[in-house]
Amino acid sequence: MASQSDCPFCEIVGREDPDAREVFRDDNVVAFFPTEPATLGHTLLVPRSHIEDIWTLDDRTATNLASATLMLANAIRRAIKPDGLNVIQSNGEAATQTVPHLHIHLVPRWRDDRFGRIWPPETDYSDFEKDEAWERLRSAVRNSGRHG
């Protein structure tokens, strides 16, 4: 599998980090606890290949990640018994991606946990702005060849 020598997640994939708390591994993905979990049971899932973000992700790896995400979500539900679960995948610095290796956060949630809100309580976009963004996105989807 492709890796980068300075990538901390590639070190975990390559079993070079003796402190990693690994949860799951197969031929395609590795899941482990982050060093500073947002909540107990917070798990990171990474592809074994060094893929920086969602824009460089291929369909086969995406399918493997989706399948492993479902399996881990169910395992977290059984083992940790949270009130809820956030599945978060961030891309780029503006979206708070701090390690340039694609990763999915599975974060168990409880009603009174310290994680906090992940969405703003409200926004103030005009109908014109929303319609303009809607049309640009619809056009991009049509041009992708993957519309129904």
N, C-alpha and C. Protein backbone atom coordinates (compact mmCIF):
# COMPACT_ATOMS: atom_id res chain seq x y z
N MET A 1 0.85 -1.19 0.00
CA MET A 1 0.00 0.00 0.00
C MET A 1 0.88 1.24 0.00
N ALA A 2 0.43 2.26 -0.72
CA ALA A 2 1.19 3.50 -0.80
C ALA A 2 1.16 4.23 0.54
N SER A 3 2.30 4.85 0.89
CA SER A 3 2.35 5.60 2.14
C SER A 3 3.28 6.79 1.99
N GLN A 4 3.24 7.66 2.96
CA GLN A 4 4.14 8.80 3.01
C GLN A 4 4.92 8.72 4.31
N SER A 5 6.21 8.95 4.22
CA SER A 5 7.08 8.74 5.38
C SER A 5 6.78 9.68 6.54
N ASP A 6 6.24 10.86 6.27
CA ASP A 6 5.98 11.81 7.36
C ASP A 6 4.52 11.84 7.79
N CYS A 7 3.73 10.86 7.37
CA CYS A 7 2.30 10.83 7.70
C CYS A 7 2.08 9.97 8.95
N PRO A 8 1.54 10.57 10.03
CA PRO A 8 1.33 9.78 11.25
C PRO A 8 0.33 8.63 11.06
N PHE A 9 -0.63 8.79 10.16
CA PHE A 9 -1.58 7.71 9.93
C PHE A 9 -0.94 6.58 9.13
N CYS A 10 -0.02 6.91 8.20
CA CYS A 10 0.71 5.86 7.49
C CYS A 10 1.60 5.08 8.45
N GLU A 11 2.12 5.75 9.48
CA GLU A 11 2.91 5.05 10.51
C GLU A 11 2.05 4.02 11.23
N ILE A 12 0.81 4.39 11.54
CA ILE A 12 -0.10 3.46 12.21
C ILE A 12 -0.44 2.31 11.27
N VAL A 13 -0.73 2.63 10.00
CA VAL A 13 -1.02 1.59 9.01
C VAL A 13 0.17 0.63 8.89
N GLY A 14 1.39 1.18 8.92
CA GLY A 14 2.60 0.36 8.80
C GLY A 14 3.05 -0.28 10.11
N ARG A 15 2.23 -0.14 11.14
CA ARG A 15 2.52 -0.68 12.48
C ARG A 15 3.83 -0.13 13.05
N GLU A 16 4.11 1.16 12.75
CA GLU A 16 5.33 1.80 13.24
C GLU A 16 5.07 2.65 14.48
N ASP A 17 3.83 2.73 14.93
CA ASP A 17 3.49 3.51 16.12
C ASP A 17 3.10 2.55 17.23
N PRO A 18 4.01 2.29 18.16
CA PRO A 18 3.72 1.31 19.22
C PRO A 18 2.62 1.75 20.18
N ASP A 19 2.29 3.03 20.20
CA ASP A 19 1.26 3.53 21.11
C ASP A 19 -0.14 3.53 20.51
N ALA A 20 -0.26 3.17 19.24
CA ALA A 20 -1.57 3.19 18.58
C ALA A 20 -2.51 2.18 19.23
N ARG A 21 -3.73 2.64 19.51
CA ARG A 21 -4.77 1.76 20.06
C ARG A 21 -5.65 1.29 18.91
N GLU A 22 -5.17 0.27 18.22
CA GLU A 22 -5.86 -0.24 17.04
C GLU A 22 -7.13 -0.98 17.42
N VAL A 23 -8.19 -0.73 16.66
CA VAL A 23 -9.49 -1.34 16.89
C VAL A 23 -9.78 -2.41 15.84
N PHE A 24 -9.38 -2.15 14.60
CA PHE A 24 -9.72 -3.04 13.49
C PHE A 24 -8.71 -2.84 12.36
N ARG A 25 -8.44 -3.92 11.64
CA ARG A 25 -7.55 -3.86 10.48
C ARG A 25 -8.00 -4.94 9.50
N ASP A 26 -8.02 -4.61 8.22
CA ASP A 26 -8.17 -5.61 7.17
C ASP A 26 -7.26 -5.20 6.02
N ASP A 27 -7.45 -5.78 4.86
CA ASP A 27 -6.56 -5.49 3.72
C ASP A 27 -6.70 -4.06 3.20
N ASN A 28 -7.79 -3.37 3.57
CA ASN A 28 -8.08 -2.07 2.98
C ASN A 28 -8.06 -0.89 3.95
N VAL A 29 -8.39 -1.14 5.21
CA VAL A 29 -8.55 -0.04 6.17
C VAL A 29 -7.95 -0.40 7.52
N VAL A 30 -7.72 0.64 8.33
CA VAL A 30 -7.31 0.48 9.71
C VAL A 30 -8.13 1.45 10.55
N ALA A 31 -8.60 0.98 11.70
CA ALA A 31 -9.34 1.83 12.63
C ALA A 31 -8.60 1.86 13.96
N PHE A 32 -8.55 3.04 14.58
CA PHE A 32 -7.80 3.21 15.82
C PHE A 32 -8.35 4.39 16.60
N PHE A 33 -8.02 4.43 17.89
CA PHE A 33 -8.40 5.56 18.72
C PHE A 33 -7.44 6.72 18.46
N PRO A 34 -7.97 7.96 18.38
CA PRO A 34 -7.07 9.11 18.29
C PRO A 34 -6.38 9.34 19.63
N THR A 35 -5.27 10.05 19.60
CA THR A 35 -4.53 10.36 20.82
C THR A 35 -5.36 11.18 21.79
N GLU A 36 -6.12 12.13 21.26
CA GLU A 36 -6.98 13.00 22.08
C GLU A 36 -8.43 12.82 21.63
N PRO A 37 -9.12 11.81 22.15
CA PRO A 37 -10.49 11.56 21.70
C PRO A 37 -11.46 12.65 22.14
N ALA A 38 -12.43 12.95 21.27
CA ALA A 38 -13.46 13.92 21.61
C ALA A 38 -14.39 13.35 22.69
N THR A 39 -14.65 12.06 22.62
CA THR A 39 -15.43 11.33 23.62
C THR A 39 -14.82 9.93 23.74
N LEU A 40 -15.15 9.20 24.78
CA LEU A 40 -14.66 7.84 24.90
C LEU A 40 -15.29 6.96 23.83
N GLY A 41 -14.47 6.21 23.13
CA GLY A 41 -14.93 5.39 22.02
C GLY A 41 -14.72 6.04 20.67
N HIS A 42 -14.33 7.33 20.63
CA HIS A 42 -14.04 8.04 19.38
C HIS A 42 -13.02 7.22 18.60
N THR A 43 -13.36 6.89 17.37
CA THR A 43 -12.53 6.02 16.54
C THR A 43 -12.25 6.69 15.21
N LEU A 44 -11.02 6.57 14.73
CA LEU A 44 -10.64 7.04 13.40
C LEU A 44 -10.53 5.85 12.47
N LEU A 45 -11.02 6.03 11.24
CA LEU A 45 -10.93 5.00 10.21
C LEU A 45 -10.18 5.59 9.03
N VAL A 46 -9.12 4.90 8.58
CA VAL A 46 -8.31 5.39 7.46
C VAL A 46 -8.14 4.30 6.42
N PRO A 47 -8.02 4.71 5.14
CA PRO A 47 -7.62 3.72 4.13
C PRO A 47 -6.14 3.37 4.35
N ARG A 48 -5.76 2.15 4.04
CA ARG A 48 -4.36 1.76 4.19
C ARG A 48 -3.48 2.46 3.16
N SER A 49 -4.03 2.81 2.02
CA SER A 49 -3.29 3.60 1.03
C SER A 49 -3.31 5.06 1.45
N HIS A 50 -2.21 5.77 1.17
CA HIS A 50 -2.16 7.19 1.50
C HIS A 50 -2.98 7.96 0.47
N ILE A 51 -4.15 8.37 0.89
CA ILE A 51 -5.06 9.19 0.08
C ILE A 51 -5.30 10.45 0.89
N GLU A 52 -5.01 11.61 0.30
CA GLU A 52 -5.04 12.84 1.09
C GLU A 52 -6.43 13.32 1.47
N ASP A 53 -7.40 13.20 0.56
CA ASP A 53 -8.72 13.76 0.84
C ASP A 53 -9.76 13.11 -0.06
N ILE A 54 -11.00 13.53 0.10
CA ILE A 54 -12.11 12.92 -0.63
C ILE A 54 -12.00 13.14 -2.14
N TRP A 55 -11.30 14.21 -2.53
CA TRP A 55 -11.18 14.52 -3.96
C TRP A 55 -10.21 13.62 -4.68
N THR A 56 -9.41 12.85 -3.95
CA THR A 56 -8.49 11.89 -4.57
C THR A 56 -8.89 10.45 -4.24
N LEU A 57 -10.07 10.26 -3.71
CA LEU A 57 -10.58 8.96 -3.30
C LEU A 57 -11.20 8.23 -4.49
N ASP A 58 -10.84 6.97 -4.69
CA ASP A 58 -11.42 6.17 -5.78
C ASP A 58 -12.66 5.41 -5.27
N ASP A 59 -13.49 4.96 -6.20
CA ASP A 59 -14.75 4.29 -5.85
C ASP A 59 -14.54 3.03 -5.01
N ARG A 60 -13.55 2.22 -5.34
CA ARG A 60 -13.32 0.97 -4.60
C ARG A 60 -12.94 1.24 -3.15
N THR A 61 -12.05 2.21 -2.93
CA THR A 61 -11.66 2.55 -1.56
C THR A 61 -12.83 3.17 -0.81
N ALA A 62 -13.62 3.99 -1.50
CA ALA A 62 -14.81 4.59 -0.87
C ALA A 62 -15.77 3.50 -0.41
N THR A 63 -15.96 2.49 -1.23
CA THR A 63 -16.85 1.38 -0.86
C THR A 63 -16.31 0.65 0.36
N ASN A 64 -15.00 0.40 0.41
CA ASN A 64 -14.40 -0.27 1.57
C ASN A 64 -14.55 0.57 2.83
N LEU A 65 -14.35 1.88 2.71
CA LEU A 65 -14.51 2.77 3.86
C LEU A 65 -15.96 2.80 4.34
N ALA A 66 -16.91 2.84 3.41
CA ALA A 66 -18.33 2.87 3.80
C ALA A 66 -18.71 1.59 4.54
N SER A 67 -18.26 0.46 4.05
CA SER A 67 -18.57 -0.82 4.69
C SER A 67 -17.97 -0.89 6.09
N ALA A 68 -16.72 -0.47 6.22
CA ALA A 68 -16.07 -0.49 7.53
C ALA A 68 -16.71 0.52 8.48
N THR A 69 -17.16 1.66 7.96
CA THR A 69 -17.84 2.66 8.80
C THR A 69 -19.10 2.07 9.40
N LEU A 70 -19.88 1.37 8.60
CA LEU A 70 -21.11 0.73 9.11
C LEU A 70 -20.80 -0.31 10.18
N MET A 71 -19.79 -1.15 9.93
CA MET A 71 -19.42 -2.18 10.89
C MET A 71 -18.98 -1.54 12.21
N LEU A 72 -18.13 -0.50 12.13
CA LEU A 72 -17.64 0.16 13.33
C LEU A 72 -18.76 0.89 14.07
N ALA A 73 -19.67 1.53 13.34
CA ALA A 73 -20.80 2.22 13.97
C ALA A 73 -21.62 1.24 14.80
N ASN A 74 -21.86 0.06 14.24
CA ASN A 74 -22.63 -0.95 14.97
C ASN A 74 -21.85 -1.50 16.16
N ALA A 75 -20.53 -1.66 16.01
CA ALA A 75 -19.71 -2.13 17.12
C ALA A 75 -19.68 -1.10 18.25
N ILE A 76 -19.58 0.18 17.89
CA ILE A 76 -19.60 1.25 18.90
C ILE A 76 -20.94 1.25 19.63
N ARG A 77 -22.01 1.07 18.89
CA ARG A 77 -23.34 1.05 19.52
C ARG A 77 -23.45 -0.07 20.54
N ARG A 78 -22.94 -1.26 20.17
CA ARG A 78 -23.02 -2.41 21.08
C ARG A 78 -22.08 -2.26 22.28
N ALA A 79 -20.85 -1.81 22.03
CA ALA A 79 -19.82 -1.79 23.08
C ALA A 79 -19.89 -0.58 23.98
N ILE A 80 -20.17 0.59 23.42
CA ILE A 80 -20.09 1.85 24.17
C ILE A 80 -21.48 2.34 24.61
N LYS A 81 -22.51 1.94 23.85
CA LYS A 81 -23.91 2.30 24.15
C LYS A 81 -24.13 3.82 24.23
N PRO A 82 -23.74 4.56 23.18
CA PRO A 82 -23.95 6.01 23.19
C PRO A 82 -25.42 6.36 22.92
N ASP A 83 -25.77 7.62 23.20
CA ASP A 83 -27.11 8.13 22.86
C ASP A 83 -27.21 8.44 21.37
N GLY A 84 -26.06 8.68 20.73
CA GLY A 84 -26.01 9.02 19.31
C GLY A 84 -24.60 8.83 18.78
N LEU A 85 -24.41 9.18 17.51
CA LEU A 85 -23.10 9.01 16.88
C LEU A 85 -22.94 10.05 15.78
N ASN A 86 -21.80 10.76 15.78
CA ASN A 86 -21.44 11.61 14.65
C ASN A 86 -20.44 10.86 13.79
N VAL A 87 -20.66 10.89 12.48
CA VAL A 87 -19.70 10.39 11.50
C VAL A 87 -19.23 11.62 10.74
N ILE A 88 -17.94 11.96 10.90
CA ILE A 88 -17.41 13.21 10.37
C ILE A 88 -16.21 12.92 9.49
N GLN A 89 -16.18 13.54 8.31
CA GLN A 89 -15.05 13.40 7.40
C GLN A 89 -14.75 14.79 6.86
N SER A 90 -13.59 15.35 7.20
CA SER A 90 -13.24 16.73 6.85
C SER A 90 -12.15 16.75 5.78
N ASN A 91 -12.22 17.75 4.89
CA ASN A 91 -11.27 17.86 3.79
C ASN A 91 -10.74 19.27 3.68
N GLY A 92 -9.45 19.43 3.85
CA GLY A 92 -8.82 20.73 3.74
C GLY A 92 -8.77 21.46 5.07
N GLU A 93 -7.83 22.40 5.14
CA GLU A 93 -7.60 23.15 6.36
C GLU A 93 -8.84 23.92 6.80
N ALA A 94 -9.58 24.50 5.85
CA ALA A 94 -10.77 25.28 6.21
C ALA A 94 -11.83 24.41 6.87
N ALA A 95 -11.80 23.11 6.60
CA ALA A 95 -12.76 22.16 7.19
C ALA A 95 -12.17 21.44 8.40
N THR A 96 -11.07 21.92 8.91
CA THR A 96 -10.38 21.41 10.11
C THR A 96 -9.65 20.08 9.90
N GLN A 97 -9.30 19.75 8.65
CA GLN A 97 -8.48 18.56 8.44
C GLN A 97 -7.05 18.91 8.83
N THR A 98 -6.51 18.22 9.84
CA THR A 98 -5.16 18.53 10.33
C THR A 98 -4.13 17.49 9.89
N VAL A 99 -4.55 16.30 9.51
CA VAL A 99 -3.64 15.28 8.99
C VAL A 99 -4.03 15.02 7.54
N PRO A 100 -3.11 15.23 6.59
CA PRO A 100 -3.45 15.07 5.18
C PRO A 100 -3.47 13.60 4.73
N HIS A 101 -4.25 12.81 5.44
CA HIS A 101 -4.53 11.41 5.09
C HIS A 101 -6.02 11.26 5.37
N LEU A 102 -6.79 10.94 4.36
CA LEU A 102 -8.24 10.85 4.51
C LEU A 102 -8.58 10.01 5.73
N HIS A 103 -9.50 10.52 6.53
CA HIS A 103 -9.92 9.78 7.72
C HIS A 103 -11.37 10.12 8.08
N ILE A 104 -12.01 9.14 8.67
CA ILE A 104 -13.40 9.28 9.09
C ILE A 104 -13.42 9.17 10.61
N HIS A 105 -14.06 10.15 11.25
CA HIS A 105 -14.23 10.13 12.70
C HIS A 105 -15.58 9.49 13.01
N LEU A 106 -15.61 8.51 13.86
CA LEU A 106 -16.85 7.98 14.42
C LEU A 106 -16.83 8.40 15.88
N VAL A 107 -17.72 9.33 16.23
CA VAL A 107 -17.70 9.94 17.56
C VAL A 107 -18.98 9.60 18.32
N PRO A 108 -18.88 8.70 19.32
CA PRO A 108 -20.05 8.41 20.15
C PRO A 108 -20.48 9.68 20.87
N ARG A 109 -21.80 9.88 21.00
CA ARG A 109 -22.30 11.10 21.62
C ARG A 109 -23.29 10.78 22.74
N TRP A 110 -23.26 11.63 23.76
CA TRP A 110 -24.21 11.56 24.86
C TRP A 110 -24.85 12.93 25.01
N ARG A 111 -26.06 12.97 25.50
CA ARG A 111 -26.80 14.23 25.61
C ARG A 111 -26.02 15.33 26.30
N ASP A 112 -25.25 15.02 27.30
CA ASP A 112 -24.54 16.04 28.08
C ASP A 112 -23.03 16.00 27.88
N ASP A 113 -22.54 15.46 26.75
CA ASP A 113 -21.09 15.39 26.56
C ASP A 113 -20.51 16.78 26.27
N ARG A 114 -19.20 16.88 26.30
CA ARG A 114 -18.52 18.17 26.12
C ARG A 114 -18.20 18.47 24.67
N PHE A 115 -18.60 17.62 23.75
CA PHE A 115 -18.27 17.81 22.33
C PHE A 115 -18.89 19.09 21.78
N GLY A 116 -20.12 19.36 22.12
CA GLY A 116 -20.78 20.59 21.66
C GLY A 116 -21.43 20.45 20.29
N ARG A 117 -21.96 21.58 19.83
CA ARG A 117 -22.66 21.63 18.54
C ARG A 117 -21.67 21.51 17.39
N ILE A 118 -22.12 20.93 16.28
CA ILE A 118 -21.29 20.92 15.08
C ILE A 118 -21.91 21.77 13.96
N TRP A 119 -23.10 22.29 14.16
CA TRP A 119 -23.77 23.14 13.16
C TRP A 119 -24.11 24.48 13.80
N PRO A 120 -24.07 25.54 13.00
CA PRO A 120 -24.49 26.84 13.55
C PRO A 120 -25.99 26.80 13.84
N PRO A 121 -26.45 27.52 14.86
CA PRO A 121 -27.87 27.49 15.18
C PRO A 121 -28.75 28.07 14.06
N GLU A 122 -28.21 29.00 13.29
CA GLU A 122 -28.95 29.54 12.15
C GLU A 122 -27.98 30.20 11.19
N THR A 123 -28.45 30.42 9.96
CA THR A 123 -27.66 31.13 8.95
C THR A 123 -28.53 32.23 8.36
N ASP A 124 -27.92 33.12 7.58
CA ASP A 124 -28.71 34.22 7.01
C ASP A 124 -28.45 34.40 5.51
N TYR A 125 -28.37 33.28 4.78
CA TYR A 125 -28.19 33.35 3.33
C TYR A 125 -29.50 33.77 2.67
N SER A 126 -29.39 34.63 1.67
CA SER A 126 -30.58 35.08 0.95
C SER A 126 -31.08 33.96 0.03
N ASP A 127 -32.35 34.05 -0.38
CA ASP A 127 -32.88 33.08 -1.33
C ASP A 127 -32.08 33.12 -2.63
N PHE A 128 -31.65 34.30 -3.05
CA PHE A 128 -30.84 34.44 -4.26
C PHE A 128 -29.54 33.64 -4.12
N GLU A 129 -28.84 33.78 -2.98
CA GLU A 129 -27.59 33.05 -2.76
C GLU A 129 -27.82 31.54 -2.74
N LYS A 130 -28.90 31.12 -2.08
CA LYS A 130 -29.20 29.68 -2.03
C LYS A 130 -29.54 29.15 -3.42
N ASP A 131 -30.34 29.90 -4.18
CA ASP A 131 -30.70 29.46 -5.54
C ASP A 131 -29.49 29.41 -6.45
N GLU A 132 -28.60 30.39 -6.32
CA GLU A 132 -27.40 30.42 -7.15
C GLU A 132 -26.50 29.20 -6.83
N ALA A 133 -26.29 28.91 -5.56
CA ALA A 133 -25.49 27.75 -5.17
C ALA A 133 -26.16 26.45 -5.63
N TRP A 134 -27.48 26.38 -5.50
CA TRP A 134 -28.24 25.21 -5.91
C TRP A 134 -28.05 24.95 -7.41
N GLU A 135 -28.17 25.99 -8.23
CA GLU A 135 -28.04 25.83 -9.67
C GLU A 135 -26.61 25.44 -10.07
N ARG A 136 -25.62 26.05 -9.42
CA ARG A 136 -24.23 25.71 -9.73
C ARG A 136 -23.94 24.25 -9.39
N LEU A 137 -24.46 23.79 -8.26
CA LEU A 137 -24.24 22.40 -7.86
C LEU A 137 -25.00 21.44 -8.78
N ARG A 138 -26.25 21.76 -9.11
CA ARG A 138 -27.01 20.90 -10.03
C ARG A 138 -26.30 20.79 -11.37
N SER A 139 -25.76 21.88 -11.87
CA SER A 139 -25.03 21.88 -13.13
C SER A 139 -23.77 21.02 -13.05
N ALA A 140 -23.04 21.13 -11.94
CA ALA A 140 -21.83 20.32 -11.77
C ALA A 140 -22.17 18.84 -11.71
N VAL A 141 -23.28 18.49 -11.04
CA VAL A 141 -23.71 17.09 -10.98
C VAL A 141 -24.08 16.59 -12.38
N ARG A 142 -24.84 17.38 -13.13
CA ARG A 142 -25.21 16.99 -14.50
C ARG A 142 -23.96 16.74 -15.34
N ASN A 143 -22.97 17.58 -15.20
CA ASN A 143 -21.74 17.47 -15.98
C ASN A 143 -20.83 16.33 -15.52
N SER A 144 -21.11 15.75 -14.35
CA SER A 144 -20.29 14.64 -13.84
C SER A 144 -20.65 13.31 -14.52
N GLY A 145 -21.81 13.26 -15.15
CA GLY A 145 -22.24 12.00 -15.77
C GLY A 145 -22.85 11.02 -14.80
N ARG A 146 -23.07 11.44 -13.53
CA ARG A 146 -23.61 10.54 -12.52
C ARG A 146 -24.90 11.08 -11.95
N HIS A 147 -25.84 11.37 -12.81
CA HIS A 147 -27.14 11.86 -12.34
C HIS A 147 -28.23 10.89 -12.77
N GLY A 148 -29.31 10.90 -12.05
CA GLY A 148 -30.40 9.95 -12.31
C GLY A 148 -31.52 10.53 -13.09
